[in-house]
Amino acid sequence: MEANLDKSTFVIGAGGSGVASAELLRGEGREVTLFDERALEAVERSLGRRLPDGVAFRRGLPSAEDAAHAGLVVLSPGIPPGKLPLAALRAASVPVWGELELGFRRFSGRVTAVAGTNGKSTVTTLIGMMAQRAFPRVFVGGNLGTPFVSASGAEYEWGVVEVSSFQLETIDAFHPAVALLLNITEDHSDRYSGFAAYAGAKMAVFRNQGTGDTAVINADDPEIAARAALIRADILPFSLVRELQQGVFLSGDEMVYRDGGREERYPRAILRIPGTQNVENAMAAIAAARRMGISEGVVREVLSTFPGLPHRVEFVRSLRGVSWYNDSKGTNVGAVLKALEGFPETVVLIAGGKDKGVDFRPLREALSRKARGAILIGEARGRMQAELAGAAPLATADTLEDAVRAASAMAMPGDVVVFSPACSSFDMFRNFEERGEAFRDAVRGLPE
């Protein structure tokens, strides 16, 4: 469905991507109305600036009666499509795009899109760094930070974009030349009707691909494997556990890339980022980068120098023989499992936060095998304690600082303490970055 640009464009949600979309469309001469459920003063306070000149503002969401006046609706990813008058919009032939779709339609180059429950930001950054060393004009962003629409108006050879399931709900023509799906594990149960709906949103990254495109998939993920027949692009898998005739796999201490008769070997030891999850991330990045035409030498250089991202299994300090890691970005159970399995040492886990309604019981086996104990915090701590009881010694804490002190008392020399919450941050913090910084501060404040 195409936009009618003779009518007003409604942009729903006045966060970063919504305001960037409104600015782009207003700059193109479109009539733009920005909707948000907050008051204008609260929106501008959150943005730290006034709304763009010429953009009208309405508090609330469009009604069914408004649909007749719209030629396009651009929906921010944080707002579920079901909050819109979808039936009225369809009846009026009004397309509903996300900022990702709008950005794609304004983008000049080819696109690599990175999807998955966990690891997206690390893989996007790795591929982006490789691409920026290989090509003169590369955009890196999307869900990672800089909205895709920000690339409009400039000439790029490649765009490397992190894409979330929320963003993929509202694509139409979005067509990456290279698409990656790293994993699918339960998350956002408060948004989706069930796991199948969530997985379907993730799989949409491949929807418009075909012959000549590349789909990089995790061959070890049963949910992706069960849906792989839906992919029409050329599949290039990666695996930690088995040899592949085509793809990237771990063989002893080497990551092996095979494609079209070519074989390359990358020592695992060149990685600066710890954990088996980052071996997976590196293999996915190798597969995508080589298909993008990035040289083996550039791939090796970036893998050997990339220090990792803040709040993703980030080393904080070692104190009295105990190493402390900040994984505040670990906002779902799958991320915590990856973090736990990434350490050969005994782990003391700090977890908890805003309850998104996911099942915590998949943590039981890993905790019973790897953990000395766990300290639980936040809104979800009561349900976590009930679902994890008996798997490992459990304690609760009222604040993150209290949890750090409790973990310090529990840990033994040679252990690692990992803060990997399995929950979002919004019960106690504005975002995962603020939460991770609070954890760092608390750890650094422990007495020698």
Protein backbone atom coordinates (compact mmCIF):
# COMPACT_ATOMS: atom_id res chain seq x y z
CA MET A 1 0.00 0.00 0.00
CA GLU A 2 1.47 3.35 -1.04
CA ALA A 3 1.24 6.64 0.82
CA ASN A 4 -0.98 9.48 -0.33
CA LEU A 5 1.35 12.38 0.23
CA ASP A 6 -1.30 14.94 -0.68
CA LYS A 7 -2.84 14.22 2.72
CA SER A 8 -1.40 14.70 6.20
CA THR A 9 1.15 12.28 7.58
CA PHE A 10 0.56 11.09 11.14
CA VAL A 11 3.66 10.17 13.13
CA ILE A 12 2.76 8.19 16.24
CA GLY A 13 5.17 8.45 19.16
CA ALA A 14 7.45 11.39 19.91
CA GLY A 15 10.58 9.50 20.87
CA GLY A 16 13.85 9.66 18.94
CA SER A 17 12.71 7.71 15.88
CA GLY A 18 9.33 9.45 15.74
CA VAL A 19 10.81 12.93 15.87
CA ALA A 20 13.45 11.97 13.29
CA SER A 21 10.66 10.72 10.99
CA ALA A 22 8.66 13.91 11.51
CA GLU A 23 11.71 16.05 10.71
CA LEU A 24 12.42 14.09 7.53
CA LEU A 25 8.84 14.30 6.26
CA ARG A 26 8.45 17.96 7.17
CA GLY A 27 11.73 18.67 5.36
CA GLU A 28 10.20 17.05 2.27
CA GLY A 29 7.36 19.55 2.46
CA ARG A 30 4.76 17.19 3.94
CA GLU A 31 2.09 18.21 6.40
CA VAL A 32 2.99 16.33 9.58
CA THR A 33 1.09 15.80 12.82
CA LEU A 34 2.99 14.18 15.69
CA PHE A 35 0.89 12.21 18.21
CA ASP A 36 2.00 11.19 21.70
CA GLU A 37 0.14 10.12 24.83
CA ARG A 38 2.26 12.51 26.89
CA ALA A 39 1.76 16.26 27.16
CA LEU A 40 3.89 18.43 24.86
CA GLU A 41 5.91 19.73 27.82
CA ALA A 42 6.80 16.19 28.88
CA VAL A 43 7.77 15.25 25.32
CA GLU A 44 10.07 18.25 24.90
CA ARG A 45 11.57 17.71 28.34
CA SER A 46 12.36 14.10 27.41
CA LEU A 47 13.85 15.16 24.06
CA GLY A 48 15.81 18.01 25.61
CA ARG A 49 14.62 20.36 22.85
CA ARG A 50 11.57 21.81 21.16
CA LEU A 51 9.72 19.93 18.44
CA PRO A 52 10.77 20.70 14.85
CA ASP A 53 9.28 23.85 13.35
CA GLY A 54 6.16 23.23 11.33
CA VAL A 55 5.28 19.91 12.98
CA ALA A 56 1.84 19.96 14.59
CA PHE A 57 1.39 18.14 17.92
CA ARG A 58 -1.64 16.31 19.30
CA ARG A 59 -1.83 14.58 22.63
CA GLY A 60 -3.30 11.09 22.43
CA LEU A 61 -3.69 8.71 19.48
CA PRO A 62 -5.61 9.09 16.19
CA SER A 63 -9.28 8.13 16.22
CA ALA A 64 -11.18 6.22 13.55
CA GLU A 65 -12.56 9.56 12.36
CA ASP A 66 -9.00 10.85 11.81
CA ALA A 67 -8.24 8.07 9.33
CA ALA A 68 -9.98 9.89 6.47
CA HIS A 69 -7.54 12.80 6.81
CA ALA A 70 -4.33 10.74 6.74
CA GLY A 71 -2.29 9.68 3.73
CA LEU A 72 0.35 7.82 5.76
CA VAL A 73 0.85 6.71 9.36
CA VAL A 74 4.41 6.26 10.66
CA LEU A 75 4.33 4.22 13.87
CA SER A 76 7.09 4.25 16.47
CA PRO A 77 8.21 0.75 17.53
CA GLY A 78 7.31 1.21 21.19
CA ILE A 79 3.60 1.56 20.36
CA PRO A 80 1.75 -1.67 19.49
CA PRO A 81 -0.13 -1.44 16.16
CA GLY A 82 -3.27 -2.59 17.96
CA LYS A 83 -3.53 0.81 19.66
CA LEU A 84 -4.35 2.36 16.27
CA PRO A 85 -7.76 2.31 14.53
CA LEU A 86 -6.46 -0.26 12.06
CA ALA A 87 -9.82 -1.18 10.53
CA ALA A 88 -10.57 2.46 9.73
CA LEU A 89 -7.07 3.00 8.32
CA ARG A 90 -7.40 -0.07 6.08
CA ALA A 91 -10.82 1.06 4.89
CA ALA A 92 -9.32 4.43 3.97
CA SER A 93 -6.32 2.74 2.25
CA VAL A 94 -3.86 4.40 4.63
CA PRO A 95 -0.55 2.51 4.93
CA VAL A 96 1.00 2.05 8.37
CA TRP A 97 4.80 2.04 8.18
CA GLY A 98 7.42 2.04 10.88
CA GLU A 99 10.44 4.32 10.88
CA LEU A 100 12.47 1.36 9.55
CA GLU A 101 10.24 1.15 6.45
CA LEU A 102 10.33 4.91 5.93
CA GLY A 103 14.12 4.92 6.25
CA PHE A 104 14.50 2.07 3.77
CA ARG A 105 12.38 3.87 1.18
CA ARG A 106 14.66 6.90 1.48
CA PHE A 107 17.98 4.96 1.58
CA SER A 108 20.35 5.02 -1.38
CA GLY A 109 22.45 1.88 -0.83
CA ARG A 110 22.17 -1.80 0.00
CA VAL A 111 21.16 -2.94 3.48
CA THR A 112 22.39 -5.54 5.96
CA ALA A 113 19.81 -6.12 8.70
CA VAL A 114 20.57 -7.85 12.02
CA ALA A 115 17.69 -9.43 13.95
CA GLY A 116 17.47 -11.79 16.93
CA THR A 117 16.50 -11.86 20.57
CA ASN A 118 20.10 -11.47 21.75
CA GLY A 119 23.39 -10.29 20.29
CA LYS A 120 21.97 -7.81 17.75
CA SER A 121 23.90 -4.77 18.91
CA THR A 122 27.24 -6.56 19.11
CA VAL A 123 26.86 -8.12 15.65
CA THR A 124 25.61 -4.87 14.12
CA THR A 125 28.59 -3.01 15.54
CA LEU A 126 31.07 -5.67 14.38
CA ILE A 127 29.70 -5.71 10.82
CA GLY A 128 29.44 -1.93 10.82
CA MET A 129 33.10 -1.53 11.81
CA MET A 130 34.14 -4.00 9.13
CA ALA A 131 32.04 -2.25 6.49
CA GLN A 132 33.34 1.20 7.43
CA ARG A 133 36.91 0.00 6.86
CA ALA A 134 35.99 -1.61 3.53
CA PHE A 135 33.71 1.01 1.92
CA PRO A 136 33.89 4.81 1.89
CA ARG A 137 30.23 5.49 2.80
CA VAL A 138 28.46 3.28 5.36
CA PHE A 139 25.55 4.00 7.71
CA VAL A 140 25.39 2.06 11.00
CA GLY A 141 22.36 2.37 13.28
CA GLY A 142 18.71 1.43 13.47
CA ASN A 143 17.50 -0.01 16.77
CA LEU A 144 21.12 0.26 17.93
CA GLY A 145 20.78 4.03 18.31
CA THR A 146 20.73 6.37 15.29
CA PRO A 147 17.34 6.11 13.52
CA PHE A 148 17.55 4.74 9.97
CA VAL A 149 15.71 7.79 8.59
CA SER A 150 18.74 9.86 9.60
CA ALA A 151 20.54 8.40 6.56
CA SER A 152 18.06 10.02 4.16
CA GLY A 153 19.51 12.57 1.75
CA ALA A 154 23.07 11.19 1.76
CA GLU A 155 24.72 8.70 -0.57
CA TYR A 156 25.70 5.38 1.04
CA GLU A 157 26.98 2.11 -0.33
CA TRP A 158 25.74 0.07 2.64
CA GLY A 159 23.51 0.50 5.64
CA VAL A 160 24.08 -1.88 8.56
CA VAL A 161 20.99 -1.73 10.76
CA GLU A 162 19.88 -3.47 13.91
CA VAL A 163 16.19 -4.34 13.64
CA SER A 164 13.84 -5.31 16.46
CA SER A 165 10.70 -7.43 16.28
CA PHE A 166 8.70 -4.27 17.01
CA GLN A 167 10.20 -2.56 13.95
CA LEU A 168 9.64 -5.60 11.74
CA GLU A 169 5.91 -5.57 12.54
CA THR A 170 5.46 -2.53 10.28
CA ILE A 171 7.61 -3.26 7.22
CA ASP A 172 6.26 -3.40 3.68
CA ALA A 173 9.00 -3.01 1.04
CA PHE A 174 11.96 -3.37 3.46
CA HIS A 175 14.40 -5.65 1.62
CA PRO A 176 17.89 -6.28 3.02
CA ALA A 177 20.49 -7.75 0.67
CA VAL A 178 21.94 -9.54 3.71
CA ALA A 179 19.69 -10.46 6.65
CA LEU A 180 20.80 -12.14 9.87
CA LEU A 181 18.68 -13.92 12.48
CA LEU A 182 20.89 -14.77 15.45
CA ASN A 183 18.40 -16.58 17.71
CA ILE A 184 14.76 -16.63 18.83
CA THR A 185 14.07 -17.10 22.53
CA GLU A 186 11.08 -16.02 24.61
CA ASP A 187 10.81 -12.27 25.15
CA HIS A 188 8.20 -9.50 25.16
CA SER A 189 5.39 -11.74 26.38
CA ASP A 190 3.66 -8.52 27.43
CA ARG A 191 3.46 -7.44 23.76
CA TYR A 192 2.71 -10.61 21.78
CA SER A 193 -0.22 -13.01 21.94
CA GLY A 194 2.17 -15.95 22.08
CA PHE A 195 5.62 -17.18 21.13
CA ALA A 196 4.57 -17.96 17.54
CA ALA A 197 3.59 -14.32 16.99
CA TYR A 198 6.92 -13.11 18.38
CA ALA A 199 8.89 -15.59 16.24
CA GLY A 200 6.87 -14.60 13.19
CA ALA A 201 7.81 -10.96 13.72
CA LYS A 202 11.51 -11.91 13.85
CA MET A 203 11.23 -14.04 10.68
CA ALA A 204 9.85 -11.03 8.80
CA VAL A 205 13.43 -9.86 8.27
CA PHE A 206 13.57 -12.43 5.43
CA ARG A 207 10.09 -11.72 4.01
CA ASN A 208 11.11 -9.71 0.94
CA GLN A 209 14.36 -11.50 0.20
CA GLY A 210 14.82 -13.73 -2.83
CA THR A 211 17.41 -15.09 -5.24
CA GLY A 212 20.67 -13.20 -4.95
CA ASP A 213 20.12 -12.22 -1.30
CA THR A 214 21.80 -13.83 1.72
CA ALA A 215 20.16 -15.10 4.90
CA VAL A 216 22.59 -15.75 7.76
CA ILE A 217 20.95 -18.00 10.35
CA ASN A 218 21.88 -19.81 13.54
CA ALA A 219 21.82 -23.49 12.60
CA ASP A 220 21.79 -24.48 16.29
CA ASP A 221 18.57 -22.59 17.10
CA PRO A 222 15.62 -25.02 16.87
CA GLU A 223 13.07 -22.23 16.41
CA ILE A 224 14.93 -20.83 13.39
CA ALA A 225 15.61 -24.31 11.96
CA ALA A 226 11.89 -25.11 12.16
CA ARG A 227 11.10 -22.04 10.05
CA ALA A 228 14.06 -22.11 7.63
CA ALA A 229 11.94 -23.52 4.78
CA LEU A 230 10.16 -20.15 4.66
CA ILE A 231 13.38 -18.40 3.59
CA ARG A 232 13.78 -17.82 -0.17
CA ALA A 233 17.27 -16.27 -0.02
CA ASP A 234 20.55 -18.19 -0.14
CA ILE A 235 21.05 -19.50 3.41
CA LEU A 236 24.50 -19.23 4.99
CA PRO A 237 24.32 -20.84 8.47
CA PHE A 238 26.64 -20.72 11.46
CA SER A 239 27.06 -23.34 14.19
CA LEU A 240 28.95 -23.85 17.43
CA VAL A 241 28.39 -27.60 17.51
CA ARG A 242 28.66 -29.14 14.05
CA GLU A 243 30.74 -28.96 10.90
CA LEU A 244 29.10 -27.26 7.92
CA GLN A 245 29.91 -27.74 4.27
CA GLN A 246 28.65 -24.19 3.65
CA GLY A 247 28.71 -21.59 6.39
CA VAL A 248 30.73 -20.80 9.51
CA PHE A 249 31.37 -23.28 12.31
CA LEU A 250 33.59 -23.78 15.35
CA SER A 251 36.23 -26.48 14.91
CA GLY A 252 38.35 -26.85 18.03
CA ASP A 253 39.87 -23.43 18.61
CA GLU A 254 39.13 -22.09 15.13
CA MET A 255 36.14 -20.48 13.46
CA VAL A 256 35.98 -21.94 9.96
CA TYR A 257 34.32 -20.11 7.07
CA ARG A 258 33.32 -22.15 4.01
CA ASP A 259 31.58 -20.67 1.02
CA GLY A 260 31.67 -21.59 -2.66
CA GLY A 261 34.75 -23.77 -2.31
CA ARG A 262 36.67 -21.19 -0.27
CA GLU A 263 37.81 -21.99 3.28
CA GLU A 264 39.19 -19.51 5.83
CA ARG A 265 40.18 -20.12 9.45
CA TYR A 266 39.96 -17.52 12.21
CA PRO A 267 41.49 -18.44 15.61
CA ARG A 268 39.03 -18.07 18.46
CA ALA A 269 41.91 -16.59 20.46
CA ILE A 270 41.85 -13.39 18.39
CA LEU A 271 38.56 -12.38 20.02
CA ARG A 272 38.84 -9.89 22.86
CA ILE A 273 35.20 -10.36 23.89
CA PRO A 274 34.55 -13.28 26.27
CA GLY A 275 32.00 -16.08 26.18
CA THR A 276 30.63 -18.62 23.75
CA GLN A 277 27.83 -16.22 22.83
CA ASN A 278 30.46 -13.90 21.37
CA VAL A 279 31.93 -16.75 19.34
CA GLU A 280 28.47 -17.07 17.79
CA ASN A 281 28.34 -13.32 17.27
CA ALA A 282 31.74 -13.35 15.58
CA MET A 283 30.76 -16.22 13.27
CA ALA A 284 27.58 -14.42 12.22
CA ALA A 285 29.59 -11.27 11.51
CA ILE A 286 32.14 -13.23 9.45
CA ALA A 287 29.38 -14.77 7.32
CA ALA A 288 27.67 -11.45 6.65
CA ALA A 289 30.85 -9.45 6.06
CA ARG A 290 32.34 -11.90 3.57
CA ARG A 291 29.03 -11.99 1.62
CA MET A 292 29.08 -8.17 1.58
CA GLY A 293 32.47 -8.30 -0.14
CA ILE A 294 34.55 -7.27 2.87
CA SER A 295 38.04 -8.75 2.72
CA GLU A 296 39.32 -11.47 5.02
CA GLY A 297 42.04 -9.10 6.25
CA VAL A 298 39.55 -6.46 7.39
CA VAL A 299 37.42 -9.11 9.10
CA ARG A 300 40.45 -10.38 11.04
CA GLU A 301 41.53 -6.88 12.01
CA VAL A 302 38.16 -5.93 13.46
CA LEU A 303 37.66 -9.24 15.28
CA SER A 304 41.07 -8.86 16.93
CA THR A 305 40.53 -5.27 18.10
CA PHE A 306 36.81 -5.03 18.96
CA PRO A 307 36.55 -4.50 22.75
CA GLY A 308 32.84 -5.24 23.08
CA LEU A 309 29.93 -2.95 23.91
CA PRO A 310 29.09 -1.46 27.30
CA HIS A 311 26.60 -3.46 29.39
CA ARG A 312 27.05 -6.67 27.34
CA VAL A 313 29.04 -9.11 29.52
CA GLU A 314 31.35 -6.17 30.24
CA PHE A 315 34.24 -6.76 32.64
CA VAL A 316 34.09 -4.29 35.54
CA ARG A 317 36.81 -5.31 37.99
CA SER A 318 38.49 -8.15 39.85
CA LEU A 319 38.36 -7.99 43.65
CA ARG A 320 39.76 -10.53 46.09
CA GLY A 321 39.86 -13.22 43.38
CA VAL A 322 36.30 -12.57 42.16
CA SER A 323 35.63 -11.14 38.68
CA TRP A 324 32.59 -8.91 38.15
CA TYR A 325 30.68 -8.58 34.85
CA ASN A 326 27.98 -6.14 33.82
CA ASP A 327 25.39 -7.64 31.45
CA SER A 328 22.61 -5.13 32.04
CA LYS A 329 21.53 -5.56 28.39
CA GLY A 330 20.63 -9.17 29.24
CA THR A 331 16.93 -8.40 29.42
CA ASN A 332 15.52 -11.88 28.72
CA VAL A 333 16.05 -15.47 29.83
CA GLY A 334 17.91 -16.44 26.66
CA ALA A 335 20.50 -13.74 27.26
CA VAL A 336 21.08 -14.93 30.83
CA LEU A 337 21.54 -18.53 29.67
CA LYS A 338 24.14 -17.36 27.13
CA ALA A 339 25.94 -15.36 29.81
CA LEU A 340 25.98 -18.28 32.26
CA GLU A 341 27.23 -20.75 29.65
CA GLY A 342 29.93 -18.32 28.57
CA PHE A 343 31.84 -18.72 31.85
CA PRO A 344 33.62 -21.92 32.86
CA GLU A 345 33.85 -20.60 36.43
CA THR A 346 31.22 -20.89 39.17
CA VAL A 347 28.79 -17.97 38.90
CA VAL A 348 26.93 -15.79 41.36
CA LEU A 349 24.02 -14.30 39.43
CA ILE A 350 22.28 -11.00 40.12
CA ALA A 351 18.96 -10.84 38.26
CA GLY A 352 15.54 -9.25 38.30
CA GLY A 353 13.75 -6.09 37.25
CA LYS A 354 10.46 -5.27 35.56
CA ASP A 355 8.39 -8.40 34.99
CA LYS A 356 7.63 -8.90 31.27
CA GLY A 357 5.64 -12.07 31.93
CA VAL A 358 8.23 -14.55 30.64
CA ASP A 359 8.85 -18.01 32.07
CA PHE A 360 11.97 -18.03 34.27
CA ARG A 361 12.04 -21.82 34.75
CA PRO A 362 14.44 -22.45 31.82
CA LEU A 363 17.13 -20.96 34.08
CA ARG A 364 16.80 -23.77 36.62
CA GLU A 365 19.11 -26.32 34.97
CA ALA A 366 21.92 -23.84 34.29
CA LEU A 367 21.69 -22.41 37.81
CA SER A 368 21.82 -25.85 39.41
CA ARG A 369 24.89 -26.73 37.34
CA LYS A 370 26.83 -23.46 37.30
CA ALA A 371 25.72 -21.14 40.10
CA ARG A 372 26.83 -20.76 43.67
CA GLY A 373 23.65 -18.76 44.13
CA ALA A 374 21.54 -15.88 42.87
CA ILE A 375 20.48 -12.51 44.28
CA LEU A 376 17.08 -11.35 42.99
CA ILE A 377 15.87 -7.76 42.79
CA GLY A 378 13.05 -5.65 41.43
CA GLU A 379 9.41 -6.18 40.56
CA ALA A 380 9.99 -9.72 39.27
CA ARG A 381 11.93 -11.04 42.25
CA GLY A 382 8.99 -12.75 43.94
CA ARG A 383 7.97 -14.70 40.86
CA MET A 384 11.60 -15.48 40.03
CA GLN A 385 12.13 -16.81 43.54
CA ALA A 386 9.07 -19.05 43.24
CA GLU A 387 10.01 -20.41 39.81
CA LEU A 388 13.72 -20.94 40.62
CA ALA A 389 13.38 -22.30 44.17
CA GLY A 390 15.64 -25.30 44.77
CA ALA A 391 17.81 -24.76 41.68
CA ALA A 392 20.44 -22.82 43.69
CA PRO A 393 20.60 -20.82 46.92
CA LEU A 394 18.48 -17.69 46.41
CA ALA A 395 18.31 -14.37 48.23
CA THR A 396 16.48 -11.12 47.54
CA ALA A 397 17.62 -7.52 47.86
CA ASP A 398 15.74 -4.22 47.89
CA THR A 399 18.25 -2.29 45.78
CA LEU A 400 20.96 -3.03 43.26
CA GLU A 401 23.57 -1.78 45.71
CA ASP A 402 22.29 -4.23 48.35
CA ALA A 403 22.43 -7.02 45.77
CA VAL A 404 26.06 -6.22 44.95
CA ARG A 405 26.97 -6.38 48.64
CA ALA A 406 25.10 -9.67 49.05
CA ALA A 407 26.82 -11.15 45.99
CA SER A 408 30.20 -10.06 47.33
CA ALA A 409 29.51 -11.90 50.57
CA MET A 410 28.35 -15.04 48.69
CA ALA A 411 31.14 -15.28 46.07
CA MET A 412 34.32 -17.29 46.67
CA PRO A 413 37.77 -16.67 45.15
CA GLY A 414 37.76 -17.91 41.56
CA ASP A 415 34.04 -17.17 41.06
CA VAL A 416 32.51 -14.64 38.70
CA VAL A 417 29.59 -12.39 39.61
CA VAL A 418 27.36 -11.63 36.64
CA PHE A 419 24.62 -9.02 36.62
CA SER A 420 22.30 -10.35 33.89
CA PRO A 421 18.75 -9.33 34.85
CA ALA A 422 16.47 -11.37 32.50
CA CYS A 423 14.10 -8.40 32.85
CA SER A 424 13.75 -4.85 31.57
CA SER A 425 14.89 -1.96 33.74
CA PHE A 426 11.83 0.26 33.96
CA ASP A 427 10.76 -0.64 37.49
CA MET A 428 13.90 0.93 39.00
CA PHE A 429 15.79 2.71 36.18
CA ARG A 430 15.12 4.73 33.02
CA ASN A 431 16.91 2.23 30.77
CA PHE A 432 19.44 -0.59 30.75
CA GLU A 433 22.32 1.88 30.39
CA GLU A 434 21.46 3.70 33.61
CA ARG A 435 21.02 0.33 35.34
CA GLY A 436 24.41 -0.89 34.10
CA GLU A 437 26.11 2.29 35.24
CA ALA A 438 24.57 1.89 38.69
CA PHE A 439 25.91 -1.66 38.84
CA ARG A 440 29.39 -0.51 37.82
CA ASP A 441 29.34 2.22 40.46
CA ALA A 442 28.23 -0.23 43.15
CA VAL A 443 30.94 -2.74 42.24
CA ARG A 444 33.65 -0.09 42.13
CA GLY A 445 32.48 1.11 45.51
CA LEU A 446 33.14 -2.23 47.20
CA PRO A 447 35.99 -1.96 49.72
CA GLU A 448 39.33 -3.55 48.82
